[in-house]
Protein backbone atom coordinates (compact mmCIF):
# COMPACT_ATOMS: atom_id res chain seq x y z
CA UNK A 1 5.88 -10.55 -113.58
CA UNK A 2 7.89 -9.68 -110.48
CA UNK A 3 10.69 -12.02 -109.48
CA UNK A 4 10.12 -13.68 -106.12
CA UNK A 5 12.86 -13.70 -103.48
CA UNK A 6 14.80 -16.94 -103.26
CA UNK A 7 16.09 -18.50 -100.06
CA UNK A 8 18.37 -21.36 -99.12
CA UNK A 9 19.15 -23.27 -95.97
CA UNK A 10 22.01 -22.18 -93.76
CA UNK A 11 24.78 -24.74 -93.18
CA UNK A 12 23.47 -27.73 -91.23
CA UNK A 13 26.18 -27.20 -88.62
CA UNK A 14 24.69 -23.78 -87.76
CA UNK A 15 21.29 -25.11 -86.70
CA UNK A 16 20.29 -27.76 -84.16
CA UNK A 17 16.70 -28.92 -84.62
CA UNK A 18 14.86 -30.73 -81.82
CA UNK A 19 11.16 -31.64 -82.22
CA UNK A 20 9.15 -31.59 -78.97
CA UNK A 21 5.49 -32.58 -79.24
CA UNK A 22 3.73 -29.70 -81.04
CA UNK A 23 6.73 -27.37 -81.19
CA UNK A 24 10.26 -27.54 -82.50
CA UNK A 25 13.30 -26.00 -80.87
CA UNK A 26 15.81 -24.43 -83.23
CA UNK A 27 19.17 -23.58 -81.74
CA UNK A 28 20.98 -21.12 -84.00
CA UNK A 29 24.65 -21.55 -83.19
CA UNK A 30 25.94 -18.30 -84.75
CA UNK A 31 23.61 -16.15 -82.61
CA UNK A 32 23.39 -18.44 -79.59
CA UNK A 33 19.61 -18.09 -79.66
CA UNK A 34 17.02 -20.82 -79.34
CA UNK A 35 13.74 -20.33 -81.18
CA UNK A 36 10.50 -22.18 -80.42
CA UNK A 37 8.57 -22.68 -83.65
CA UNK A 38 5.47 -24.51 -84.79
CA UNK A 39 4.29 -25.84 -88.09
CA UNK A 40 4.93 -24.89 -90.90
CA UNK A 41 8.41 -23.58 -89.99
CA UNK A 42 10.02 -27.05 -89.53
CA UNK A 43 8.40 -28.23 -92.75
CA UNK A 44 9.68 -25.18 -94.64
CA UNK A 45 13.19 -25.81 -93.30
CA UNK A 46 12.97 -29.44 -94.43
CA UNK A 47 11.80 -28.35 -97.90
CA UNK A 48 14.73 -25.98 -98.33
CA UNK A 49 17.97 -27.34 -99.62
CA UNK A 50 21.24 -26.15 -101.03
CA UNK A 51 19.55 -24.78 -104.13
CA UNK A 52 17.72 -21.45 -103.87
CA UNK A 53 13.93 -21.72 -103.80
CA UNK A 54 11.11 -19.21 -103.79
CA UNK A 55 7.73 -19.46 -102.05
CA UNK A 56 6.13 -21.08 -105.11
CA UNK A 57 8.74 -23.85 -105.28
CA UNK A 58 8.48 -24.50 -101.55
CA UNK A 59 4.69 -24.60 -101.85
CA UNK A 60 5.01 -27.19 -104.62
CA UNK A 61 7.28 -29.35 -102.45
CA UNK A 62 5.05 -29.09 -99.38
CA UNK A 63 1.85 -29.69 -101.38
CA UNK A 64 3.04 -33.20 -102.23
CA UNK A 65 2.75 -34.15 -98.53
CA UNK A 66 0.26 -31.71 -97.00
CA UNK A 67 -3.15 -30.23 -97.77
CA UNK A 68 -2.24 -26.55 -97.87
CA UNK A 69 -5.64 -25.19 -98.81
CA UNK A 70 -5.95 -22.29 -101.23
CA UNK A 71 -2.66 -22.12 -103.18
CA UNK A 72 -2.51 -18.30 -103.30
CA UNK A 73 -3.09 -17.98 -99.55
CA UNK A 74 -0.60 -20.77 -98.79
CA UNK A 75 2.11 -19.22 -101.01
CA UNK A 76 1.57 -15.84 -99.32
CA UNK A 77 1.86 -17.42 -95.87
CA UNK A 78 5.01 -19.28 -96.92
CA UNK A 79 6.52 -16.04 -98.26
CA UNK A 80 5.82 -14.35 -94.92
CA UNK A 81 7.43 -17.20 -92.99
CA UNK A 82 10.47 -17.14 -95.29
CA UNK A 83 11.02 -13.42 -94.73
CA UNK A 84 10.69 -13.85 -90.94
CA UNK A 85 13.04 -16.84 -90.91
CA UNK A 86 15.61 -14.92 -92.95
CA UNK A 87 15.38 -11.97 -90.54
CA UNK A 88 16.20 -14.37 -87.68
CA UNK A 89 19.13 -15.85 -89.60
CA UNK A 90 17.52 -19.31 -89.78
CA UNK A 91 17.73 -19.25 -93.58
CA UNK A 92 19.43 -16.88 -95.96
CA UNK A 93 18.45 -14.95 -99.04
CA UNK A 94 19.99 -16.31 -102.19
C-alpha cells in the first residue's frame, strides 16, 4: 500500500479567514494574496490541525458532519484539494 501525503495547517497568524455568503476569503499574509474559495476548502482547513493528516483522515473527520457521498470519490476530491491548497501555501506538506 502506498503512503498518502500528509498535510498540516499553517500557523493561524498566517491566514485570515472571512466567510461571505457562499464563498470564503482567505488572506495569506506571507504572500499578500487573497483567495476566494468555496466549499469544501473552508471545511478542509477547519478539519486540519497541528497534527499531520492525510486525505483519508480528513475524510473521516468531515464525514461526521457532512454527507460526502461515495467515500472513494470524496477521498480523491479531498486529495486534489489538499495538493492545490499546498501549492498555494494555504497548508503545508508534513
